Amino acid sequence: MEHMLGRRVLVTRAADDNGPWVERLLSLGAEPVPLPCISIEKLTPFDSWLDALNSATWVAFTSHRAVRLFSELLGEGNLAHQLIAAIGPSTRAACMDSFGRCDLSSEHGTGSDLAKRLASKVTQNTSVLLPGAAEPRPELSRELTEAGVQAVPLPLYATRPAKASTERADMRGALDAALFASPSAISGCFGTAMISSTLPASCIGPTTANAARDAGLKNVYTSDTRDLDGLLRALREPLDTSPHSS
């Protein structure tokens, strides 16, 4: 990670999520610039969520936040009668912490990969409960449904872009890279700050990368894993060949 030394990096997660990324960047000799670009709204689950859980063979998680909120929802309950799947290493670690196990995880950290792995383990009409964001990963639910699996979304939170400001912070020329974990973070960023269209932007997943391009960013890179180190690896080539910000 030598390419991160001395680099000013925009960190766009929610305020309560930025901390670990900031600490990691500092440990690499980078200069993190935290700008909370999203907020998280906790949702009330639908009334029959427990029936949906009891009917499910698998529970599949796509974020560490989904694991935490579902664990809170369970209270004294457990997942003794369900198998547990996770989309990537951080979500898998959250499952291990909350439930003591994770029976399946995606090697590539994508919804499509997790759907393929789940589909190979189940029979048609198997029910898979998907606790997570109100804006779920479309490829996971779609590909499970196409495989004959009953995908049951359970919205537990909504990711909202930060409120747009009439006086956006001008960060053009002051950054070396930006990190984005969701399309909402990109919307929130452009609503609260001005950044260069040529700024290297490292994104988690193709959906976020497409949103970055749609927003006008020209140098967009997609991480090979759904974590911070994957985002930083994606920046190696562009940062190795570019000067530091002024």
C-alpha atoms as a PDB file:
ATOM      1  CA  MET A   1       0.000   0.000   0.000  1.00  0.00           C
ATOM      2  CA  GLU A   2       2.977   2.335  -0.553  1.00  0.00           C
ATOM      3  CA  HIS A   3       0.916   4.204  -3.139  1.00  0.00           C
ATOM      4  CA  MET A   4      -1.256   5.610  -0.326  1.00  0.00           C
ATOM      5  CA  LEU A   5       1.625   7.381   1.458  1.00  0.00           C
ATOM      6  CA  GLY A   6       0.903  11.099   1.726  1.00  0.00           C
ATOM      7  CA  ARG A   7      -2.294  10.879  -0.300  1.00  0.00           C
ATOM      8  CA  ARG A   8      -5.345  12.975   0.645  1.00  0.00           C
ATOM      9  CA  VAL A   9      -8.334  10.654   0.403  1.00  0.00           C
ATOM     10  CA  LEU A  10     -11.999  11.603   0.650  1.00  0.00           C
ATOM     11  CA  VAL A  11     -13.938   9.202   2.913  1.00  0.00           C
ATOM     12  CA  THR A  12     -17.680   9.381   2.249  1.00  0.00           C
ATOM     13  CA  ARG A  13     -19.354   6.882   4.569  1.00  0.00           C
ATOM     14  CA  ALA A  14     -21.906   7.719   7.262  1.00  0.00           C
ATOM     15  CA  ALA A  15     -20.459   9.588  10.241  1.00  0.00           C
ATOM     16  CA  ASP A  16     -20.523   6.528  12.510  1.00  0.00           C
ATOM     17  CA  ASP A  17     -18.860   4.345   9.833  1.00  0.00           C
ATOM     18  CA  ASN A  18     -15.995   6.631   8.804  1.00  0.00           C
ATOM     19  CA  GLY A  19     -13.853   5.944  11.897  1.00  0.00           C
ATOM     20  CA  PRO A  20     -12.346   2.534  11.000  1.00  0.00           C
ATOM     21  CA  TRP A  21     -11.521   3.677   7.460  1.00  0.00           C
ATOM     22  CA  VAL A  22      -9.903   6.859   8.779  1.00  0.00           C
ATOM     23  CA  GLU A  23      -7.770   4.841  11.201  1.00  0.00           C
ATOM     24  CA  ARG A  24      -6.681   2.425   8.484  1.00  0.00           C
ATOM     25  CA  LEU A  25      -5.731   5.240   6.124  1.00  0.00           C
ATOM     26  CA  LEU A  26      -3.730   6.979   8.859  1.00  0.00           C
ATOM     27  CA  SER A  27      -1.855   3.732   9.522  1.00  0.00           C
ATOM     28  CA  LEU A  28      -0.835   3.672   5.845  1.00  0.00           C
ATOM     29  CA  GLY A  29       0.506   7.207   5.970  1.00  0.00           C
ATOM     30  CA  ALA A  30      -2.412   8.684   4.039  1.00  0.00           C
ATOM     31  CA  GLU A  31      -4.305  11.836   4.971  1.00  0.00           C
ATOM     32  CA  PRO A  32      -8.013  10.951   5.235  1.00  0.00           C
ATOM     33  CA  VAL A  33     -10.577  13.682   4.607  1.00  0.00           C
ATOM     34  CA  PRO A  34     -13.843  12.526   6.223  1.00  0.00           C
ATOM     35  CA  LEU A  35     -17.004  13.907   4.638  1.00  0.00           C
ATOM     36  CA  PRO A  36     -20.162  12.087   5.798  1.00  0.00           C
ATOM     37  CA  CYS A  37     -22.181  11.860   2.605  1.00  0.00           C
ATOM     38  CA  ILE A  38     -24.966   9.574   3.778  1.00  0.00           C
ATOM     39  CA  SER A  39     -27.190   9.101   6.786  1.00  0.00           C
ATOM     40  CA  ILE A  40     -28.800   5.885   7.983  1.00  0.00           C
ATOM     41  CA  GLU A  41     -32.505   5.686   8.819  1.00  0.00           C
ATOM     42  CA  LYS A  42     -33.588   2.691  10.884  1.00  0.00           C
ATOM     43  CA  LEU A  43     -36.850   1.147   9.649  1.00  0.00           C
ATOM     44  CA  THR A  44     -39.603  -0.767  11.410  1.00  0.00           C
ATOM     45  CA  PRO A  45     -39.750  -4.334  10.020  1.00  0.00           C
ATOM     46  CA  PHE A  46     -42.988  -5.628   8.548  1.00  0.00           C
ATOM     47  CA  ASP A  47     -45.324  -7.333  11.040  1.00  0.00           C
ATOM     48  CA  SER A  48     -44.878 -10.872   9.728  1.00  0.00           C
ATOM     49  CA  TRP A  49     -41.050 -10.830   9.757  1.00  0.00           C
ATOM     50  CA  LEU A  50     -40.894 -13.640  12.326  1.00  0.00           C
ATOM     51  CA  ASP A  51     -43.102 -15.872  10.175  1.00  0.00           C
ATOM     52  CA  ALA A  52     -40.815 -15.106   7.226  1.00  0.00           C
ATOM     53  CA  LEU A  53     -37.801 -16.091   9.328  1.00  0.00           C
ATOM     54  CA  ASN A  54     -39.393 -19.338  10.490  1.00  0.00           C
ATOM     55  CA  SER A  55     -40.161 -20.226   6.866  1.00  0.00           C
ATOM     56  CA  ALA A  56     -36.636 -19.492   5.680  1.00  0.00           C
ATOM     57  CA  THR A  57     -33.908 -22.092   5.189  1.00  0.00           C
ATOM     58  CA  TRP A  58     -31.235 -19.425   4.729  1.00  0.00           C
ATOM     59  CA  VAL A  59     -30.707 -15.898   5.994  1.00  0.00           C
ATOM     60  CA  ALA A  60     -28.384 -13.913   3.710  1.00  0.00           C
ATOM     61  CA  PHE A  61     -26.740 -10.669   4.816  1.00  0.00           C
ATOM     62  CA  THR A  62     -25.246  -8.027   2.522  1.00  0.00           C
ATOM     63  CA  SER A  63     -23.767  -5.612   5.099  1.00  0.00           C
ATOM     64  CA  HIS A  64     -22.413  -5.518   8.634  1.00  0.00           C
ATOM     65  CA  ARG A  65     -25.191  -3.052   9.504  1.00  0.00           C
ATOM     66  CA  ALA A  66     -27.837  -5.559   8.422  1.00  0.00           C
ATOM     67  CA  VAL A  67     -26.266  -8.149  10.721  1.00  0.00           C
ATOM     68  CA  ARG A  68     -26.252  -5.758  13.682  1.00  0.00           C
ATOM     69  CA  LEU A  69     -29.831  -4.576  13.197  1.00  0.00           C
ATOM     70  CA  PHE A  70     -31.144  -8.089  12.641  1.00  0.00           C
ATOM     71  CA  SER A  71     -29.341  -9.299  15.738  1.00  0.00           C
ATOM     72  CA  GLU A  72     -31.017  -6.503  17.707  1.00  0.00           C
ATOM     73  CA  LEU A  73     -34.373  -7.471  16.197  1.00  0.00           C
ATOM     74  CA  LEU A  74     -33.900 -11.106  17.221  1.00  0.00           C
ATOM     75  CA  GLY A  75     -33.221 -10.135  20.827  1.00  0.00           C
ATOM     76  CA  GLU A  76     -33.143 -13.391  22.785  1.00  0.00           C
ATOM     77  CA  GLY A  77     -33.915 -15.371  19.630  1.00  0.00           C
ATOM     78  CA  ASN A  78     -31.373 -17.124  17.424  1.00  0.00           C
ATOM     79  CA  LEU A  79     -30.798 -18.645  13.995  1.00  0.00           C
ATOM     80  CA  ALA A  80     -30.487 -22.221  15.187  1.00  0.00           C
ATOM     81  CA  HIS A  81     -32.860 -23.441  12.455  1.00  0.00           C
ATOM     82  CA  GLN A  82     -31.445 -21.367   9.587  1.00  0.00           C
ATOM     83  CA  LEU A  83     -28.207 -21.378   7.635  1.00  0.00           C
ATOM     84  CA  ILE A  84     -26.336 -18.072   7.387  1.00  0.00           C
ATOM     85  CA  ALA A  85     -24.783 -16.500   4.283  1.00  0.00           C
ATOM     86  CA  ALA A  86     -22.731 -13.302   3.963  1.00  0.00           C
ATOM     87  CA  ILE A  87     -21.649 -11.221   0.999  1.00  0.00           C
ATOM     88  CA  GLY A  88     -18.057 -10.419   1.946  1.00  0.00           C
ATOM     89  CA  PRO A  89     -15.350 -10.553   4.617  1.00  0.00           C
ATOM     90  CA  SER A  90     -16.607  -7.724   6.841  1.00  0.00           C
ATOM     91  CA  THR A  91     -20.178  -9.056   6.752  1.00  0.00           C
ATOM     92  CA  ARG A  92     -18.911 -12.573   7.411  1.00  0.00           C
ATOM     93  CA  ALA A  93     -16.946 -11.281  10.414  1.00  0.00           C
ATOM     94  CA  ALA A  94     -20.078  -9.538  11.715  1.00  0.00           C
ATOM     95  CA  CYS A  95     -22.012 -12.820  11.397  1.00  0.00           C
ATOM     96  CA  MET A  96     -19.303 -14.659  13.336  1.00  0.00           C
ATOM     97  CA  ASP A  97     -19.440 -12.020  16.073  1.00  0.00           C
ATOM     98  CA  SER A  98     -23.245 -11.941  16.324  1.00  0.00           C
ATOM     99  CA  PHE A  99     -24.229 -15.540  15.601  1.00  0.00           C
ATOM    100  CA  GLY A 100     -21.052 -17.543  16.124  1.00  0.00           C
ATOM    101  CA  ARG A 101     -20.976 -18.886  12.571  1.00  0.00           C
ATOM    102  CA  CYS A 102     -21.317 -18.160   8.870  1.00  0.00           C
ATOM    103  CA  ASP A 103     -22.177 -21.127   6.671  1.00  0.00           C
ATOM    104  CA  LEU A 104     -21.497 -19.560   3.280  1.00  0.00           C
ATOM    105  CA  SER A 105     -19.846 -16.419   1.965  1.00  0.00           C
ATOM    106  CA  SER A 106     -19.091 -14.881  -1.399  1.00  0.00           C
ATOM    107  CA  GLU A 107     -15.529 -15.255  -2.629  1.00  0.00           C
ATOM    108  CA  HIS A 108     -15.793 -12.148  -4.797  1.00  0.00           C
ATOM    109  CA  GLY A 109     -17.934 -10.002  -2.508  1.00  0.00           C
ATOM    110  CA  THR A 110     -20.758  -9.427  -4.992  1.00  0.00           C
ATOM    111  CA  GLY A 111     -24.468 -10.112  -4.845  1.00  0.00           C
ATOM    112  CA  SER A 112     -24.246 -12.077  -8.078  1.00  0.00           C
ATOM    113  CA  ASP A 113     -21.544 -14.367  -6.714  1.00  0.00           C
ATOM    114  CA  LEU A 114     -23.443 -14.939  -3.476  1.00  0.00           C
ATOM    115  CA  ALA A 115     -26.622 -15.734  -5.444  1.00  0.00           C
ATOM    116  CA  LYS A 116     -24.770 -18.334  -7.530  1.00  0.00           C
ATOM    117  CA  ARG A 117     -23.273 -19.947  -4.432  1.00  0.00           C
ATOM    118  CA  LEU A 118     -26.626 -20.022  -2.657  1.00  0.00           C
ATOM    119  CA  ALA A 119     -28.434 -21.385  -5.715  1.00  0.00           C
ATOM    120  CA  SER A 120     -25.975 -24.297  -5.833  1.00  0.00           C
ATOM    121  CA  LYS A 121     -26.866 -25.213  -2.241  1.00  0.00           C
ATOM    122  CA  VAL A 122     -30.669 -25.097  -2.325  1.00  0.00           C
ATOM    123  CA  THR A 123     -33.613 -26.659  -4.098  1.00  0.00           C
ATOM    124  CA  GLN A 124     -36.357 -24.785  -5.920  1.00  0.00           C
ATOM    125  CA  ASN A 125     -38.842 -22.910  -3.703  1.00  0.00           C
ATOM    126  CA  THR A 126     -36.360 -22.744  -0.849  1.00  0.00           C
ATOM    127  CA  SER A 127     -36.951 -19.506   1.064  1.00  0.00           C
ATOM    128  CA  VAL A 128     -34.035 -17.111   1.637  1.00  0.00           C
ATOM    129  CA  LEU A 129     -34.614 -14.166   3.962  1.00  0.00           C
ATOM    130  CA  LEU A 130     -32.675 -11.016   2.984  1.00  0.00           C
ATOM    131  CA  PRO A 131     -32.439  -8.582   5.911  1.00  0.00           C
ATOM    132  CA  GLY A 132     -30.833  -5.347   4.806  1.00  0.00           C
ATOM    133  CA  ALA A 133     -31.303  -1.993   3.180  1.00  0.00           C
ATOM    134  CA  ALA A 134     -34.570  -0.731   1.761  1.00  0.00           C
ATOM    135  CA  GLU A 135     -32.642  -0.472  -1.512  1.00  0.00           C
ATOM    136  CA  PRO A 136     -31.373  -4.083  -1.726  1.00  0.00           C
ATOM    137  CA  ARG A 137     -28.767  -5.330  -4.150  1.00  0.00           C
ATOM    138  CA  PRO A 138     -30.911  -6.073  -7.214  1.00  0.00           C
ATOM    139  CA  GLU A 139     -28.641  -8.793  -8.591  1.00  0.00           C
ATOM    140  CA  LEU A 140     -28.922 -10.935  -5.443  1.00  0.00           C
ATOM    141  CA  SER A 141     -32.713 -11.024  -5.329  1.00  0.00           C
ATOM    142  CA  ARG A 142     -33.066 -11.249  -9.113  1.00  0.00           C
ATOM    143  CA  GLU A 143     -30.655 -14.125  -9.593  1.00  0.00           C
ATOM    144  CA  LEU A 144     -32.074 -16.071  -6.662  1.00  0.00           C
ATOM    145  CA  THR A 145     -35.571 -15.673  -8.120  1.00  0.00           C
ATOM    146  CA  GLU A 146     -34.343 -16.766 -11.555  1.00  0.00           C
ATOM    147  CA  ALA A 147     -32.936 -19.906  -9.899  1.00  0.00           C
ATOM    148  CA  GLY A 148     -36.372 -20.719  -8.476  1.00  0.00           C
ATOM    149  CA  VAL A 149     -35.539 -19.555  -4.953  1.00  0.00           C
ATOM    150  CA  GLN A 150     -38.001 -17.508  -2.906  1.00  0.00           C
ATOM    151  CA  ALA A 151     -36.061 -14.343  -2.056  1.00  0.00           C
ATOM    152  CA  VAL A 152     -37.792 -12.463   0.786  1.00  0.00           C
ATOM    153  CA  PRO A 153     -36.446  -8.930   1.426  1.00  0.00           C
ATOM    154  CA  LEU A 154     -36.649  -7.629   5.001  1.00  0.00           C
ATOM    155  CA  PRO A 155     -35.872  -3.875   4.940  1.00  0.00           C
ATOM    156  CA  LEU A 156     -34.232  -2.815   8.206  1.00  0.00           C
ATOM    157  CA  TYR A 157     -32.658   0.492   7.224  1.00  0.00           C
ATOM    158  CA  ALA A 158     -32.540   3.079   4.481  1.00  0.00           C
ATOM    159  CA  THR A 159     -29.440   4.829   3.195  1.00  0.00           C
ATOM    160  CA  ARG A 160     -30.108   8.502   2.495  1.00  0.00           C
ATOM    161  CA  PRO A 161     -27.801  10.967   0.721  1.00  0.00           C
ATOM    162  CA  ALA A 162     -26.649  13.847   2.891  1.00  0.00           C
ATOM    163  CA  LYS A 163     -28.851  16.895   2.575  1.00  0.00           C
ATOM    164  CA  ALA A 164     -27.702  19.109  -0.276  1.00  0.00           C
ATOM    165  CA  SER A 165     -26.075  22.390   0.697  1.00  0.00           C
ATOM    166  CA  THR A 166     -26.336  25.729  -1.090  1.00  0.00           C
ATOM    167  CA  GLU A 167     -22.693  26.356  -0.156  1.00  0.00           C
ATOM    168  CA  ARG A 168     -20.817  23.251  -1.234  1.00  0.00           C
ATOM    169  CA  ALA A 169     -17.267  22.768  -0.009  1.00  0.00           C
ATOM    170  CA  ASP A 170     -14.819  23.328  -2.873  1.00  0.00           C
ATOM    171  CA  MET A 171     -12.393  20.378  -2.793  1.00  0.00           C
ATOM    172  CA  ARG A 172     -11.204  20.614  -6.383  1.00  0.00           C
ATOM    173  CA  GLY A 173      -7.460  20.161  -6.532  1.00  0.00           C
ATOM    174  CA  ALA A 174      -7.230  19.356  -2.807  1.00  0.00           C
ATOM    175  CA  LEU A 175      -7.700  15.581  -3.048  1.00  0.00           C
ATOM    176  CA  ASP A 176      -5.840  12.624  -4.524  1.00  0.00           C
ATOM    177  CA  ALA A 177      -8.718  10.126  -4.494  1.00  0.00           C
ATOM    178  CA  ALA A 178     -12.228   9.449  -3.214  1.00  0.00           C
ATOM    179  CA  LEU A 179     -13.772   6.309  -1.754  1.00  0.00           C
ATOM    180  CA  PHE A 180     -17.420   5.410  -2.362  1.00  0.00           C
ATOM    181  CA  ALA A 181     -19.318   2.452  -0.895  1.00  0.00           C
ATOM    182  CA  SER A 182     -22.781   3.186  -2.300  1.00  0.00           C
ATOM    183  CA  PRO A 183     -24.634   5.244  -4.933  1.00  0.00           C
ATOM    184  CA  SER A 184     -26.155   7.273  -2.076  1.00  0.00           C
ATOM    185  CA  ALA A 185     -22.661   8.347  -1.004  1.00  0.00           C
ATOM    186  CA  ILE A 186     -22.034   9.697  -4.502  1.00  0.00           C
ATOM    187  CA  SER A 187     -25.307  11.649  -4.484  1.00  0.00           C
ATOM    188  CA  GLY A 188     -24.507  13.012  -1.032  1.00  0.00           C
ATOM    189  CA  CYS A 189     -20.980  13.955  -2.071  1.00  0.00           C
ATOM    190  CA  PHE A 190     -22.080  15.997  -5.077  1.00  0.00           C
ATOM    191  CA  GLY A 191     -24.779  17.646  -2.983  1.00  0.00           C
ATOM    192  CA  THR A 192     -22.341  18.843  -0.333  1.00  0.00           C
ATOM    193  CA  ALA A 193     -18.994  19.267  -2.116  1.00  0.00           C
ATOM    194  CA  MET A 194     -17.360  20.126  -5.426  1.00  0.00           C
ATOM    195  CA  ILE A 195     -14.745  17.623  -6.590  1.00  0.00           C
ATOM    196  CA  SER A 196     -12.788  17.356  -9.803  1.00  0.00           C
ATOM    197  CA  SER A 197     -14.314  15.202 -12.527  1.00  0.00           C
ATOM    198  CA  THR A 198     -10.892  13.631 -13.054  1.00  0.00           C
ATOM    199  CA  LEU A 199     -10.405  12.665  -9.386  1.00  0.00           C
ATOM    200  CA  PRO A 200      -9.693   8.914  -9.111  1.00  0.00           C
ATOM    201  CA  ALA A 201     -12.804   7.385  -7.529  1.00  0.00           C
ATOM    202  CA  SER A 202     -12.634   3.889  -6.047  1.00  0.00           C
ATOM    203  CA  CYS A 203     -16.025   2.200  -5.688  1.00  0.00           C
ATOM    204  CA  ILE A 204     -17.420  -0.903  -4.062  1.00  0.00           C
ATOM    205  CA  GLY A 205     -19.335  -2.875  -6.664  1.00  0.00           C
ATOM    206  CA  PRO A 206     -20.474  -2.177 -10.220  1.00  0.00           C
ATOM    207  CA  THR A 207     -23.681  -0.382  -9.159  1.00  0.00           C
ATOM    208  CA  THR A 208     -21.705   2.243  -7.263  1.00  0.00           C
ATOM    209  CA  ALA A 209     -19.161   2.517 -10.067  1.00  0.00           C
ATOM    210  CA  ASN A 210     -21.927   3.127 -12.615  1.00  0.00           C
ATOM    211  CA  ALA A 211     -23.422   5.806 -10.359  1.00  0.00           C
ATOM    212  CA  ALA A 212     -20.010   7.501 -10.189  1.00  0.00           C
ATOM    213  CA  ARG A 213     -19.759   7.578 -13.978  1.00  0.00           C
ATOM    214  CA  ASP A 214     -23.335   8.855 -14.275  1.00  0.00           C
ATOM    215  CA  ALA A 215     -22.382  11.686 -11.894  1.00  0.00           C
ATOM    216  CA  GLY A 216     -19.635  12.754 -14.287  1.00  0.00           C
ATOM    217  CA  LEU A 217     -16.538  11.183 -12.739  1.00  0.00           C
ATOM    218  CA  LYS A 218     -14.128  10.092 -15.447  1.00  0.00           C
ATOM    219  CA  ASN A 219     -11.578   7.977 -13.569  1.00  0.00           C
ATOM    220  CA  VAL A 220     -13.650   5.304 -11.837  1.00  0.00           C
ATOM    221  CA  TYR A 221     -12.218   2.080 -10.415  1.00  0.00           C
ATOM    222  CA  THR A 222     -14.005  -0.909  -8.889  1.00  0.00           C
ATOM    223  CA  SER A 223     -12.593  -2.774  -5.893  1.00  0.00           C
ATOM    224  CA  ASP A 224     -11.963  -6.494  -6.219  1.00  0.00           C
ATOM    225  CA  THR A 225     -13.363  -7.089  -2.712  1.00  0.00           C
ATOM    226  CA  ARG A 226     -16.070  -5.329  -0.727  1.00  0.00           C
ATOM    227  CA  ASP A 227     -13.760  -3.752   1.853  1.00  0.00           C
ATOM    228  CA  LEU A 228     -11.408  -0.818   2.318  1.00  0.00           C
ATOM    229  CA  ASP A 229      -8.263  -2.670   1.261  1.00  0.00           C
ATOM    230  CA  GLY A 230      -9.984  -3.643  -1.983  1.00  0.00           C
ATOM    231  CA  LEU A 231     -10.806   0.014  -2.607  1.00  0.00           C
ATOM    232  CA  LEU A 232      -7.185   0.996  -1.957  1.00  0.00           C
ATOM    233  CA  ARG A 233      -5.804  -1.745  -4.214  1.00  0.00           C
ATOM    234  CA  ALA A 234      -7.950  -0.399  -7.024  1.00  0.00           C
ATOM    235  CA  LEU A 235      -6.178   2.955  -6.659  1.00  0.00           C
ATOM    236  CA  ARG A 236      -2.672   1.567  -7.023  1.00  0.00           C
ATOM    237  CA  GLU A 237      -2.292   2.157 -10.760  1.00  0.00           C
ATOM    238  CA  PRO A 238      -3.783   5.679 -10.951  1.00  0.00           C
ATOM    239  CA  LEU A 239      -1.942   6.918  -7.860  1.00  0.00           C
ATOM    240  CA  ASP A 240       1.379   5.404  -8.894  1.00  0.00           C
ATOM    241  CA  THR A 241       1.310   7.571 -11.999  1.00  0.00           C
ATOM    242  CA  SER A 242      -0.174  10.813 -10.644  1.00  0.00           C
ATOM    243  CA  PRO A 243       1.368  13.686  -8.623  1.00  0.00           C
ATOM    244  CA  HIS A 244       0.234  14.462  -5.109  1.00  0.00           C
ATOM    245  CA  SER A 245      -2.491  17.059  -4.575  1.00  0.00           C
ATOM    246  CA  SER A 246      -1.425  20.576  -3.779  1.00  0.00           C
END
